[in-house]
Amino acid sequence: MTINKITDGSKLTIALEGRLDTTTAPQLDEELKTAMQGISSLEFDFSKLEYISSAGLRVLLSAQKTMNKQGSMVIRNVNEEINEIFEVTGFVDILTIE
């Protein structure tokens, strides 16, 4: 998985490429922990994300909990397969998906 980060003041955009699964989720979790300080707007770009597992969902949930305290989080460009995973797991009710 490739993680591309763009910081613009207090806005952080993270574009993910590949698979967010048991192997790659810890990498994203570590990146988020260091990058989210002072961030009030977190945006994920999933246009090149092919797959997300339960480990990936846990990282997103953790990021959402943090951003609930310090700002907002949105997920953009979600493909049909990943959107279906969000719907089945109930994450559509927890996350802001555009």
C-alpha atoms as a PDB file:
ATOM      1  CA  MET A   1       0.000   0.000   0.000  1.00  0.00           C
ATOM      2  CA  THR A   2       1.153   3.530  -0.786  1.00  0.00           C
ATOM      3  CA  ILE A   3       0.282   6.426   1.529  1.00  0.00           C
ATOM      4  CA  ASN A   4       0.426   9.929   0.032  1.00  0.00           C
ATOM      5  CA  LYS A   5       0.071  12.760   2.546  1.00  0.00           C
ATOM      6  CA  ILE A   6      -0.615  16.391   1.701  1.00  0.00           C
ATOM      7  CA  THR A   7      -0.736  18.925   4.524  1.00  0.00           C
ATOM      8  CA  ASP A   8      -2.218  22.342   3.897  1.00  0.00           C
ATOM      9  CA  GLY A   9      -2.236  24.304   7.134  1.00  0.00           C
ATOM     10  CA  SER A  10      -4.591  22.439   9.480  1.00  0.00           C
ATOM     11  CA  LYS A  11      -5.938  20.221   6.677  1.00  0.00           C
ATOM     12  CA  LEU A  12      -4.454  16.791   6.033  1.00  0.00           C
ATOM     13  CA  THR A  13      -5.304  14.772   2.927  1.00  0.00           C
ATOM     14  CA  ILE A  14      -4.290  11.121   2.793  1.00  0.00           C
ATOM     15  CA  ALA A  15      -4.542   9.288  -0.512  1.00  0.00           C
ATOM     16  CA  LEU A  16      -4.305   5.515  -0.202  1.00  0.00           C
ATOM     17  CA  GLU A  17      -3.273   3.228  -3.029  1.00  0.00           C
ATOM     18  CA  GLY A  18      -3.525  -0.577  -2.972  1.00  0.00           C
ATOM     19  CA  ARG A  19      -4.906  -2.674  -0.120  1.00  0.00           C
ATOM     20  CA  LEU A  20      -5.626  -1.584   3.450  1.00  0.00           C
ATOM     21  CA  ASP A  21      -5.478  -4.897   5.284  1.00  0.00           C
ATOM     22  CA  THR A  22      -3.907  -6.677   8.271  1.00  0.00           C
ATOM     23  CA  THR A  23      -0.428  -6.168   6.834  1.00  0.00           C
ATOM     24  CA  THR A  24      -0.722  -2.476   5.939  1.00  0.00           C
ATOM     25  CA  ALA A  25      -3.147  -1.140   8.579  1.00  0.00           C
ATOM     26  CA  PRO A  26      -0.436  -0.748  11.280  1.00  0.00           C
ATOM     27  CA  GLN A  27       1.586   1.386   8.848  1.00  0.00           C
ATOM     28  CA  LEU A  28      -1.371   3.741   8.288  1.00  0.00           C
ATOM     29  CA  ASP A  29      -2.106   3.816  12.023  1.00  0.00           C
ATOM     30  CA  GLU A  30       1.459   4.959  12.770  1.00  0.00           C
ATOM     31  CA  GLU A  31       1.363   7.582  10.004  1.00  0.00           C
ATOM     32  CA  LEU A  32      -1.911   8.966  11.379  1.00  0.00           C
ATOM     33  CA  LYS A  33      -0.689   9.134  14.968  1.00  0.00           C
ATOM     34  CA  THR A  34       2.216  11.383  13.999  1.00  0.00           C
ATOM     35  CA  ALA A  35       0.426  13.393  11.293  1.00  0.00           C
ATOM     36  CA  MET A  36      -2.850  14.262  13.052  1.00  0.00           C
ATOM     37  CA  GLN A  37      -1.432  16.650  15.662  1.00  0.00           C
ATOM     38  CA  GLY A  38      -2.805  20.129  15.027  1.00  0.00           C
ATOM     39  CA  ILE A  39      -5.073  18.902  12.234  1.00  0.00           C
ATOM     40  CA  SER A  40      -8.705  20.067  12.220  1.00  0.00           C
ATOM     41  CA  SER A  41      -9.683  18.608   8.841  1.00  0.00           C
ATOM     42  CA  LEU A  42      -8.760  15.075   7.776  1.00  0.00           C
ATOM     43  CA  GLU A  43      -9.645  13.869   4.302  1.00  0.00           C
ATOM     44  CA  PHE A  44      -9.062  10.409   2.865  1.00  0.00           C
ATOM     45  CA  ASP A  45      -8.925   9.857  -0.886  1.00  0.00           C
ATOM     46  CA  PHE A  46      -9.848   6.250  -1.672  1.00  0.00           C
ATOM     47  CA  SER A  47      -9.846   6.608  -5.482  1.00  0.00           C
ATOM     48  CA  LYS A  48      -6.931   4.149  -5.764  1.00  0.00           C
ATOM     49  CA  LEU A  49      -7.779   1.950  -2.778  1.00  0.00           C
ATOM     50  CA  GLU A  50      -8.691  -1.544  -3.945  1.00  0.00           C
ATOM     51  CA  TYR A  51      -9.627  -3.307  -0.704  1.00  0.00           C
ATOM     52  CA  ILE A  52     -10.187  -2.686   3.006  1.00  0.00           C
ATOM     53  CA  SER A  53     -10.236  -5.342   5.743  1.00  0.00           C
ATOM     54  CA  SER A  54     -11.479  -5.231   9.335  1.00  0.00           C
ATOM     55  CA  ALA A  55      -7.997  -4.084  10.411  1.00  0.00           C
ATOM     56  CA  GLY A  56      -8.322  -1.126   8.041  1.00  0.00           C
ATOM     57  CA  LEU A  57     -11.793  -0.358   9.375  1.00  0.00           C
ATOM     58  CA  ARG A  58     -10.378  -0.266  12.909  1.00  0.00           C
ATOM     59  CA  VAL A  59      -7.787   2.340  11.854  1.00  0.00           C
ATOM     60  CA  LEU A  60     -10.515   4.486  10.263  1.00  0.00           C
ATOM     61  CA  LEU A  61     -12.673   4.190  13.382  1.00  0.00           C
ATOM     62  CA  SER A  62      -9.755   5.252  15.562  1.00  0.00           C
ATOM     63  CA  ALA A  63      -9.045   8.227  13.275  1.00  0.00           C
ATOM     64  CA  GLN A  64     -12.737   9.207  13.380  1.00  0.00           C
ATOM     65  CA  LYS A  65     -12.746   9.132  17.192  1.00  0.00           C
ATOM     66  CA  THR A  66      -9.701  11.415  17.270  1.00  0.00           C
ATOM     67  CA  MET A  67     -11.141  13.798  14.697  1.00  0.00           C
ATOM     68  CA  ASN A  68     -14.472  13.960  16.576  1.00  0.00           C
ATOM     69  CA  LYS A  69     -12.484  15.774  19.296  1.00  0.00           C
ATOM     70  CA  GLN A  70     -10.391  18.054  17.092  1.00  0.00           C
ATOM     71  CA  GLY A  71     -12.303  18.631  13.867  1.00  0.00           C
ATOM     72  CA  SER A  72     -13.820  16.710  10.972  1.00  0.00           C
ATOM     73  CA  MET A  73     -13.026  13.704   8.816  1.00  0.00           C
ATOM     74  CA  VAL A  74     -14.335  12.801   5.367  1.00  0.00           C
ATOM     75  CA  ILE A  75     -13.699   9.902   3.002  1.00  0.00           C
ATOM     76  CA  ARG A  76     -13.934  10.614  -0.725  1.00  0.00           C
ATOM     77  CA  ASN A  77     -13.870   8.614  -3.961  1.00  0.00           C
ATOM     78  CA  VAL A  78     -14.943   5.290  -2.467  1.00  0.00           C
ATOM     79  CA  ASN A  79     -15.379   2.486  -5.006  1.00  0.00           C
ATOM     80  CA  GLU A  80     -18.439   0.227  -5.079  1.00  0.00           C
ATOM     81  CA  GLU A  81     -16.750  -2.723  -3.352  1.00  0.00           C
ATOM     82  CA  ILE A  82     -15.444  -0.686  -0.422  1.00  0.00           C
ATOM     83  CA  ASN A  83     -18.730   1.210  -0.130  1.00  0.00           C
ATOM     84  CA  GLU A  84     -20.517  -2.134   0.178  1.00  0.00           C
ATOM     85  CA  ILE A  85     -18.162  -3.094   3.028  1.00  0.00           C
ATOM     86  CA  PHE A  86     -18.982   0.225   4.746  1.00  0.00           C
ATOM     87  CA  GLU A  87     -22.716  -0.469   4.338  1.00  0.00           C
ATOM     88  CA  VAL A  88     -22.591  -4.077   5.590  1.00  0.00           C
ATOM     89  CA  THR A  89     -20.523  -3.110   8.653  1.00  0.00           C
ATOM     90  CA  GLY A  90     -22.641  -0.058   9.478  1.00  0.00           C
ATOM     91  CA  PHE A  91     -19.697   2.290   8.948  1.00  0.00           C
ATOM     92  CA  VAL A  92     -21.866   4.431   6.615  1.00  0.00           C
ATOM     93  CA  ASP A  93     -23.589   5.630   9.789  1.00  0.00           C
ATOM     94  CA  ILE A  94     -20.301   6.420  11.563  1.00  0.00           C
ATOM     95  CA  LEU A  95     -18.135   7.902   8.810  1.00  0.00           C
ATOM     96  CA  THR A  96     -18.736  10.832   6.467  1.00  0.00           C
ATOM     97  CA  ILE A  97     -18.446   9.359   2.974  1.00  0.00           C
ATOM     98  CA  GLU A  98     -18.729  11.568  -0.100  1.00  0.00           C
END
